[in-house]
Each structure stands twice: as structure tokens, then as C-alpha cells.
PDB file of N, CA and C in Angstrom:
ATOM      1  N   PRO A   1      20.750  -3.199  11.358  1.00  0.00           N
ATOM      2  CA  PRO A   1      20.697  -4.372  10.496  1.00  0.00           C
ATOM      3  C   PRO A   1      21.328  -5.598  11.175  1.00  0.00           C
ATOM      4  N   ARG A   2      22.362  -5.107  11.826  1.00  0.00           N
ATOM      5  CA  ARG A   2      23.346  -6.379  12.324  1.00  0.00           C
ATOM      6  C   ARG A   2      22.476  -7.274  13.298  1.00  0.00           C
ATOM      7  N   VAL A   3      21.620  -6.405  13.946  1.00  0.00           N
ATOM      8  CA  VAL A   3      20.900  -7.162  14.989  1.00  0.00           C
ATOM      9  C   VAL A   3      19.995  -8.151  14.728  1.00  0.00           C
ATOM     10  N   LEU A   4      19.367  -7.897  13.232  1.00  0.00           N
ATOM     11  CA  LEU A   4      18.387  -8.796  12.768  1.00  0.00           C
ATOM     12  C   LEU A   4      18.697 -10.226  12.717  1.00  0.00           C
ATOM     13  N   PRO A   5      19.574 -10.794  12.421  1.00  0.00           N
ATOM     14  CA  PRO A   5      20.046 -12.233  12.535  1.00  0.00           C
ATOM     15  C   PRO A   5      19.841 -12.752  13.834  1.00  0.00           C
ATOM     16  N   ARG A   6      20.256 -12.198  14.817  1.00  0.00           N
ATOM     17  CA  ARG A   6      20.217 -12.662  16.145  1.00  0.00           C
ATOM     18  C   ARG A   6      18.658 -12.635  16.509  1.00  0.00           C
ATOM     19  N   LEU A   7      17.810 -11.419  16.126  1.00  0.00           N
ATOM     20  CA  LEU A   7      16.442 -11.552  16.509  1.00  0.00           C
ATOM     21  C   LEU A   7      15.842 -12.613  15.740  1.00  0.00           C
ATOM     22  N   ARG A   8      16.131 -12.791  14.594  1.00  0.00           N
ATOM     23  CA  ARG A   8      15.421 -13.890  13.676  1.00  0.00           C
ATOM     24  C   ARG A   8      15.670 -15.286  14.590  1.00  0.00           C
ATOM     25  N   ASP A   9      16.900 -15.513  14.976  1.00  0.00           N
ATOM     26  CA  ASP A   9      17.358 -16.730  15.534  1.00  0.00           C
ATOM     27  C   ASP A   9      16.582 -16.841  17.195  1.00  0.00           C
ATOM     28  N   ALA A  10      16.605 -15.845  17.602  1.00  0.00           N
ATOM     29  CA  ALA A  10      15.787 -15.755  18.866  1.00  0.00           C
ATOM     30  C   ALA A  10      14.190 -16.394  18.780  1.00  0.00           C
ATOM     31  N   TYR A  11      13.666 -15.597  17.619  1.00  0.00           N
ATOM     32  CA  TYR A  11      12.290 -15.770  17.152  1.00  0.00           C
ATOM     33  C   TYR A  11      12.210 -17.297  17.003  1.00  0.00           C
ATOM     34  N   LEU A  12      13.039 -17.869  16.165  1.00  0.00           N
ATOM     35  CA  LEU A  12      13.000 -19.292  15.810  1.00  0.00           C
ATOM     36  C   LEU A  12      13.206 -20.328  16.572  1.00  0.00           C
ATOM     37  N   GLU A  13      14.116 -19.862  17.659  1.00  0.00           N
ATOM     38  CA  GLU A  13      14.677 -20.850  18.719  1.00  0.00           C
ATOM     39  C   GLU A  13      13.527 -21.918  19.332  1.00  0.00           C
ATOM     40  N   PRO A  14      12.305 -21.288  19.870  1.00  0.00           N
ATOM     41  CA  PRO A  14      11.327 -22.307  20.363  1.00  0.00           C
ATOM     42  C   PRO A  14      10.802 -23.361  19.381  1.00  0.00           C
ATOM     43  N   TRP A  15      11.241 -23.042  17.933  1.00  0.00           N
ATOM     44  CA  TRP A  15      10.703 -24.213  17.049  1.00  0.00           C
ATOM     45  C   TRP A  15      11.598 -25.055  16.761  1.00  0.00           C
ATOM     46  N   THR A  16      12.993 -24.983  17.221  1.00  0.00           N
ATOM     47  CA  THR A  16      13.965 -25.868  16.813  1.00  0.00           C
ATOM     48  C   THR A  16      13.314 -27.133  17.538  1.00  0.00           C
ATOM     49  N   GLY A  17      14.130 -28.396  17.303  1.00  0.00           N
ATOM     50  CA  GLY A  17      13.761 -29.601  17.694  1.00  0.00           C
ATOM     51  C   GLY A  17      12.815 -30.498  16.783  1.00  0.00           C
ATOM     52  N   ALA A  18      12.583 -31.576  17.391  1.00  0.00           N
ATOM     53  CA  ALA A  18      11.573 -32.284  16.488  1.00  0.00           C
ATOM     54  C   ALA A  18      11.749 -32.524  14.921  1.00  0.00           C
ATOM     55  N   GLY A  19      13.008 -32.609  14.895  1.00  0.00           N
ATOM     56  CA  GLY A  19      13.861 -32.745  13.405  1.00  0.00           C
ATOM     57  C   GLY A  19      13.747 -31.366  12.583  1.00  0.00           C
ATOM     58  N   ARG A  20      13.491 -30.466  13.198  1.00  0.00           N
ATOM     59  CA  ARG A  20      13.956 -29.003  12.545  1.00  0.00           C
ATOM     60  C   ARG A  20      15.113 -28.556  13.177  1.00  0.00           C
ATOM     61  N   SER A  21      16.030 -28.046  12.578  1.00  0.00           N
ATOM     62  CA  SER A  21      17.575 -27.340  12.910  1.00  0.00           C
ATOM     63  C   SER A  21      16.887 -25.924  12.737  1.00  0.00           C
ATOM     64  N   THR A  22      18.114 -25.201  13.161  1.00  0.00           N
ATOM     65  CA  THR A  22      18.190 -23.786  13.132  1.00  0.00           C
ATOM     66  C   THR A  22      18.275 -23.299  11.467  1.00  0.00           C
ATOM     67  N   ALA A  23      19.077 -24.035  10.805  1.00  0.00           N
ATOM     68  CA  ALA A  23      19.320 -23.953   9.401  1.00  0.00           C
ATOM     69  C   ALA A  23      18.180 -24.043   8.716  1.00  0.00           C
ATOM     70  N   ASP A  24      17.411 -25.231   8.815  1.00  0.00           N
ATOM     71  CA  ASP A  24      16.121 -25.551   8.225  1.00  0.00           C
ATOM     72  C   ASP A  24      15.106 -24.211   8.581  1.00  0.00           C
ATOM     73  N   LEU A  25      15.143 -23.965   9.686  1.00  0.00           N
ATOM     74  CA  LEU A  25      13.990 -22.706  10.018  1.00  0.00           C
ATOM     75  C   LEU A  25      14.649 -21.708   9.089  1.00  0.00           C
ATOM     76  N   ARG A  26      15.913 -21.272   9.180  1.00  0.00           N
ATOM     77  CA  ARG A  26      16.364 -19.897   8.483  1.00  0.00           C
ATOM     78  C   ARG A  26      16.004 -20.030   7.069  1.00  0.00           C
ATOM     79  N   ARG A  27      16.272 -21.452   6.535  1.00  0.00           N
ATOM     80  CA  ARG A  27      15.887 -21.631   4.968  1.00  0.00           C
ATOM     81  C   ARG A  27      14.377 -21.298   4.771  1.00  0.00           C
ATOM     82  N   ALA A  28      13.459 -21.541   5.968  1.00  0.00           N
ATOM     83  CA  ALA A  28      12.206 -21.455   5.512  1.00  0.00           C
ATOM     84  C   ALA A  28      11.751 -19.976   5.849  1.00  0.00           C
ATOM     85  N   VAL A  29      12.350 -19.131   6.723  1.00  0.00           N
ATOM     86  CA  VAL A  29      12.258 -17.952   6.576  1.00  0.00           C
ATOM     87  C   VAL A  29      12.755 -17.095   5.498  1.00  0.00           C
ATOM     88  N   SER A  30      13.655 -17.293   4.765  1.00  0.00           N
ATOM     89  CA  SER A  30      14.133 -16.976   3.474  1.00  0.00           C
ATOM     90  C   SER A  30      13.203 -17.289   2.143  1.00  0.00           C
ATOM     91  N   LEU A  31      12.579 -18.403   2.185  1.00  0.00           N
ATOM     92  CA  LEU A  31      11.604 -18.911   1.254  1.00  0.00           C
ATOM     93  C   LEU A  31      10.276 -17.956   1.449  1.00  0.00           C
ATOM     94  N   ALA A  32       9.824 -17.741   2.678  1.00  0.00           N
ATOM     95  CA  ALA A  32       8.854 -17.297   3.101  1.00  0.00           C
ATOM     96  C   ALA A  32       8.724 -15.753   2.725  1.00  0.00           C
ATOM     97  N   TRP A  33       9.970 -15.353   3.067  1.00  0.00           N
ATOM     98  CA  TRP A  33      10.250 -13.566   2.535  1.00  0.00           C
ATOM     99  C   TRP A  33       9.877 -13.645   1.081  1.00  0.00           C
ATOM    100  N   ARG A  34      10.683 -14.359   0.181  1.00  0.00           N
ATOM    101  CA  ARG A  34      10.269 -14.333  -0.971  1.00  0.00           C
ATOM    102  C   ARG A  34       9.019 -14.363  -1.580  1.00  0.00           C
ATOM    103  N   LEU A  35       8.325 -15.431  -1.147  1.00  0.00           N
ATOM    104  CA  LEU A  35       7.071 -15.745  -1.644  1.00  0.00           C
ATOM    105  C   LEU A  35       5.979 -14.749  -0.987  1.00  0.00           C
ATOM    106  N   SER A  36       6.353 -14.094  -0.210  1.00  0.00           N
ATOM    107  CA  SER A  36       5.310 -12.982   0.431  1.00  0.00           C
ATOM    108  C   SER A  36       5.213 -11.886  -0.540  1.00  0.00           C
ATOM    109  N   ALA A  37       6.161 -11.777  -1.424  1.00  0.00           N
ATOM    110  CA  ALA A  37       6.162 -10.631  -2.557  1.00  0.00           C
ATOM    111  C   ALA A  37       4.849 -11.116  -3.576  1.00  0.00           C
ATOM    112  N   LEU A  38       4.718 -12.429  -3.800  1.00  0.00           N
ATOM    113  CA  LEU A  38       3.740 -12.664  -4.653  1.00  0.00           C
ATOM    114  C   LEU A  38       2.237 -12.647  -3.835  1.00  0.00           C
ATOM    115  N   GLY A  39       2.097 -12.725  -2.851  1.00  0.00           N
ATOM    116  CA  GLY A  39       0.980 -12.205  -1.946  1.00  0.00           C
ATOM    117  C   GLY A  39       0.779 -11.027  -1.980  1.00  0.00           C
ATOM    118  N   ARG A  40       1.936 -10.194  -1.950  1.00  0.00           N
ATOM    119  CA  ARG A  40       1.622  -8.747  -1.836  1.00  0.00           C
ATOM    120  C   ARG A  40       1.193  -8.071  -3.217  1.00  0.00           C
ATOM    121  N   ALA A  41       1.842  -8.730  -4.421  1.00  0.00           N
ATOM    122  CA  ALA A  41       1.382  -8.569  -5.842  1.00  0.00           C
ATOM    123  C   ALA A  41       0.137  -8.739  -6.222  1.00  0.00           C
ATOM    124  N   ALA A  42      -0.597 -10.065  -5.758  1.00  0.00           N
ATOM    125  CA  ALA A  42      -1.780 -10.440  -5.703  1.00  0.00           C
ATOM    126  C   ALA A  42      -2.883  -9.511  -4.959  1.00  0.00           C
ATOM    127  N   ALA A  43      -2.394  -9.033  -3.981  1.00  0.00           N
ATOM    128  CA  ALA A  43      -3.293  -8.628  -2.981  1.00  0.00           C
ATOM    129  C   ALA A  43      -3.833  -7.052  -3.721  1.00  0.00           C
ATOM    130  N   TYR A  44      -2.962  -6.697  -4.561  1.00  0.00           N
ATOM    131  CA  TYR A  44      -3.310  -5.566  -5.452  1.00  0.00           C
ATOM    132  C   TYR A  44      -4.509  -5.742  -6.303  1.00  0.00           C
ATOM    133  N   GLY A  45      -4.533  -6.849  -6.776  1.00  0.00           N
ATOM    134  CA  GLY A  45      -5.777  -7.111  -7.710  1.00  0.00           C
ATOM    135  C   GLY A  45      -7.011  -7.322  -6.810  1.00  0.00           C
ATOM    136  N   ARG A  46      -6.846  -7.885  -5.568  1.00  0.00           N
ATOM    137  CA  ARG A  46      -7.901  -8.013  -4.767  1.00  0.00           C
ATOM    138  C   ARG A  46      -8.468  -6.770  -4.124  1.00  0.00           C
ATOM    139  N   LEU A  47      -7.421  -5.974  -3.858  1.00  0.00           N
ATOM    140  CA  LEU A  47      -7.981  -4.766  -3.208  1.00  0.00           C
ATOM    141  C   LEU A  47      -8.538  -3.637  -3.945  1.00  0.00           C
ATOM    142  N   PHE A  48      -8.090  -3.659  -5.177  1.00  0.00           N
ATOM    143  CA  PHE A  48      -8.351  -2.704  -6.087  1.00  0.00           C
ATOM    144  C   PHE A  48      -8.809  -3.506  -7.428  1.00  0.00           C
ATOM    145  N   PRO A  49      -9.748  -4.075  -7.161  1.00  0.00           N
ATOM    146  CA  PRO A  49     -10.324  -4.937  -8.321  1.00  0.00           C
ATOM    147  C   PRO A  49     -11.003  -4.194  -9.643  1.00  0.00           C
ATOM    148  N   THR A  50     -11.458  -2.966  -9.478  1.00  0.00           N
ATOM    149  CA  THR A  50     -11.926  -2.236 -10.562  1.00  0.00           C
ATOM    150  C   THR A  50     -10.843  -1.111 -11.244  1.00  0.00           C
ATOM    151  N   ALA A  51      -9.648  -0.984 -10.384  1.00  0.00           N
ATOM    152  CA  ALA A  51      -8.793  -0.274 -10.734  1.00  0.00           C
ATOM    153  C   ALA A  51      -7.859  -0.613 -11.572  1.00  0.00           C
ATOM    154  N   SER A  52      -7.651   0.220 -12.814  1.00  0.00           N
ATOM    155  CA  SER A  52      -6.617  -0.184 -13.865  1.00  0.00           C
ATOM    156  C   SER A  52      -5.928   1.011 -14.287  1.00  0.00           C
ATOM    157  N   GLY A  53      -4.711   0.930 -14.681  1.00  0.00           N
ATOM    158  CA  GLY A  53      -3.727   1.741 -15.048  1.00  0.00           C
ATOM    159  C   GLY A  53      -2.484   1.555 -14.523  1.00  0.00           C
ATOM    160  N   ALA A  54      -1.673   2.666 -14.898  1.00  0.00           N
ATOM    161  CA  ALA A  54      -0.399   2.564 -14.560  1.00  0.00           C
ATOM    162  C   ALA A  54       0.042   2.128 -13.210  1.00  0.00           C
ATOM    163  N   ALA A  55      -0.588   3.338 -12.253  1.00  0.00           N
ATOM    164  CA  ALA A  55      -0.264   2.936 -10.887  1.00  0.00           C
ATOM    165  C   ALA A  55      -0.573   1.581 -10.235  1.00  0.00           C
ATOM    166  N   THR A  56      -1.452   0.858 -10.406  1.00  0.00           N
ATOM    167  CA  THR A  56      -1.830  -0.228  -9.813  1.00  0.00           C
ATOM    168  C   THR A  56      -0.785  -1.262 -10.454  1.00  0.00           C
ATOM    169  N   THR A  57      -0.591  -1.297 -11.936  1.00  0.00           N
ATOM    170  CA  THR A  57       0.189  -2.174 -12.608  1.00  0.00           C
ATOM    171  C   THR A  57       1.724  -2.024 -12.100  1.00  0.00           C
ATOM    172  N   ASP A  58       2.129  -0.769 -11.970  1.00  0.00           N
ATOM    173  CA  ASP A  58       3.342  -0.566 -11.236  1.00  0.00           C
ATOM    174  C   ASP A  58       3.625  -1.006  -9.973  1.00  0.00           C
ATOM    175  N   ALA A  59       2.732  -0.951  -8.994  1.00  0.00           N
ATOM    176  CA  ALA A  59       2.536  -1.611  -7.411  1.00  0.00           C
ATOM    177  C   ALA A  59       2.977  -2.992  -7.586  1.00  0.00           C
ATOM    178  N   ALA A  60       1.996  -3.445  -8.389  1.00  0.00           N
ATOM    179  CA  ALA A  60       2.144  -4.835  -8.402  1.00  0.00           C
ATOM    180  C   ALA A  60       3.557  -5.627  -8.919  1.00  0.00           C
ATOM    181  N   ALA A  61       4.133  -4.813 -10.069  1.00  0.00           N
ATOM    182  CA  ALA A  61       5.318  -5.290 -10.469  1.00  0.00           C
ATOM    183  C   ALA A  61       6.357  -4.977  -9.517  1.00  0.00           C
ATOM    184  N   ARG A  62       6.309  -3.890  -9.007  1.00  0.00           N
ATOM    185  CA  ARG A  62       7.215  -3.469  -7.819  1.00  0.00           C
ATOM    186  C   ARG A  62       7.392  -4.620  -6.800  1.00  0.00           C
ATOM    187  N   CYS A  63       6.130  -5.260  -6.325  1.00  0.00           N
ATOM    188  CA  CYS A  63       6.030  -6.370  -5.348  1.00  0.00           C
ATOM    189  C   CYS A  63       6.616  -7.550  -5.935  1.00  0.00           C
ATOM    190  N   LEU A  64       6.522  -7.977  -7.231  1.00  0.00           N
ATOM    191  CA  LEU A  64       7.012  -8.985  -7.974  1.00  0.00           C
ATOM    192  C   LEU A  64       8.585  -8.836  -8.153  1.00  0.00           C
ATOM    193  N   LEU A  65       9.117  -7.806  -8.209  1.00  0.00           N
ATOM    194  CA  LEU A  65      10.571  -7.490  -8.626  1.00  0.00           C
ATOM    195  C   LEU A  65      11.279  -8.002  -7.207  1.00  0.00           C
ATOM    196  N   GLU A  66      10.510  -7.848  -6.005  1.00  0.00           N
ATOM    197  CA  GLU A  66      11.308  -8.204  -4.836  1.00  0.00           C
ATOM    198  C   GLU A  66      11.391  -9.629  -4.575  1.00  0.00           C
ATOM    199  N   LEU A  67      11.034 -10.584  -5.482  1.00  0.00           N
ATOM    200  CA  LEU A  67      11.342 -11.739  -5.682  1.00  0.00           C
ATOM    201  C   LEU A  67      12.845 -11.925  -5.998  1.00  0.00           C
ATOM    202  N   LEU A  68      13.381 -11.129  -6.461  1.00  0.00           N
ATOM    203  CA  LEU A  68      14.920 -11.031  -6.925  1.00  0.00           C
ATOM    204  C   LEU A  68      15.722 -10.800  -5.968  1.00  0.00           C
ATOM    205  N   ASP A  69      14.882  -9.832  -4.849  1.00  0.00           N
ATOM    206  CA  ASP A  69      15.955  -9.488  -3.834  1.00  0.00           C
ATOM    207  C   ASP A  69      16.146 -10.507  -2.582  1.00  0.00           C
ATOM    208  N   ASP A  70      17.188 -10.408  -2.078  1.00  0.00           N
ATOM    209  CA  ASP A  70      17.725 -11.371  -1.028  1.00  0.00           C
ATOM    210  C   ASP A  70      16.851 -10.873   0.332  1.00  0.00           C
ATOM    211  N   PRO A  71      16.502 -11.700   1.149  1.00  0.00           N
ATOM    212  CA  PRO A  71      15.764 -11.311   2.393  1.00  0.00           C
ATOM    213  C   PRO A  71      16.828 -10.323   3.337  1.00  0.00           C
ATOM    214  N   PRO A  72      16.533  -9.576   4.207  1.00  0.00           N
ATOM    215  CA  PRO A  72      17.076  -8.801   4.897  1.00  0.00           C
ATOM    216  C   PRO A  72      18.113  -9.292   5.964  1.00  0.00           C
ATOM    217  N   LEU A  73      17.642 -10.636   6.430  1.00  0.00           N
ATOM    218  CA  LEU A  73      18.320 -11.383   7.499  1.00  0.00           C
ATOM    219  C   LEU A  73      19.235 -12.192   7.089  1.00  0.00           C
TER     220      LEU A  73
END
């Protein structure tokens, strides 16, 4: 886990410049991480359109609860 911030920064480094700072890109990563939970929750409805029941609802709800989590980076 301690290596994740260094890996993130190394990955983002080529996109710095042209008005984008490392801090700006880190913020974008954090926002993208949180928004990805919405995509996963919506995907359950698209992947299993005829499914209904507690399992599907619980899986989508777990994804939405990830909005409250801090990114691991």
C-alpha cells in the first residue's frame, strides 16, 4: 500500500504540464475513483436487466456505499 502513491505519481507524470499540476491530477484521480462507484452500481442494472431480488440490490448498494470511501491512494 505504501507504494501506491508513488505508482500513481509515476503514472500521472507524463500528463503534467500544459496547465495541469501534479496536485490537479491527483485530485482528478480521487474524483474518478469515487465516480467509478456510480458506474459499477449502474452496471448491475445493465448486466442483469431482468434480475430482481436482494442479491442484485445488495450488490448495487455496496457499490454506492463506496462513494463514502476514500481512495486507496
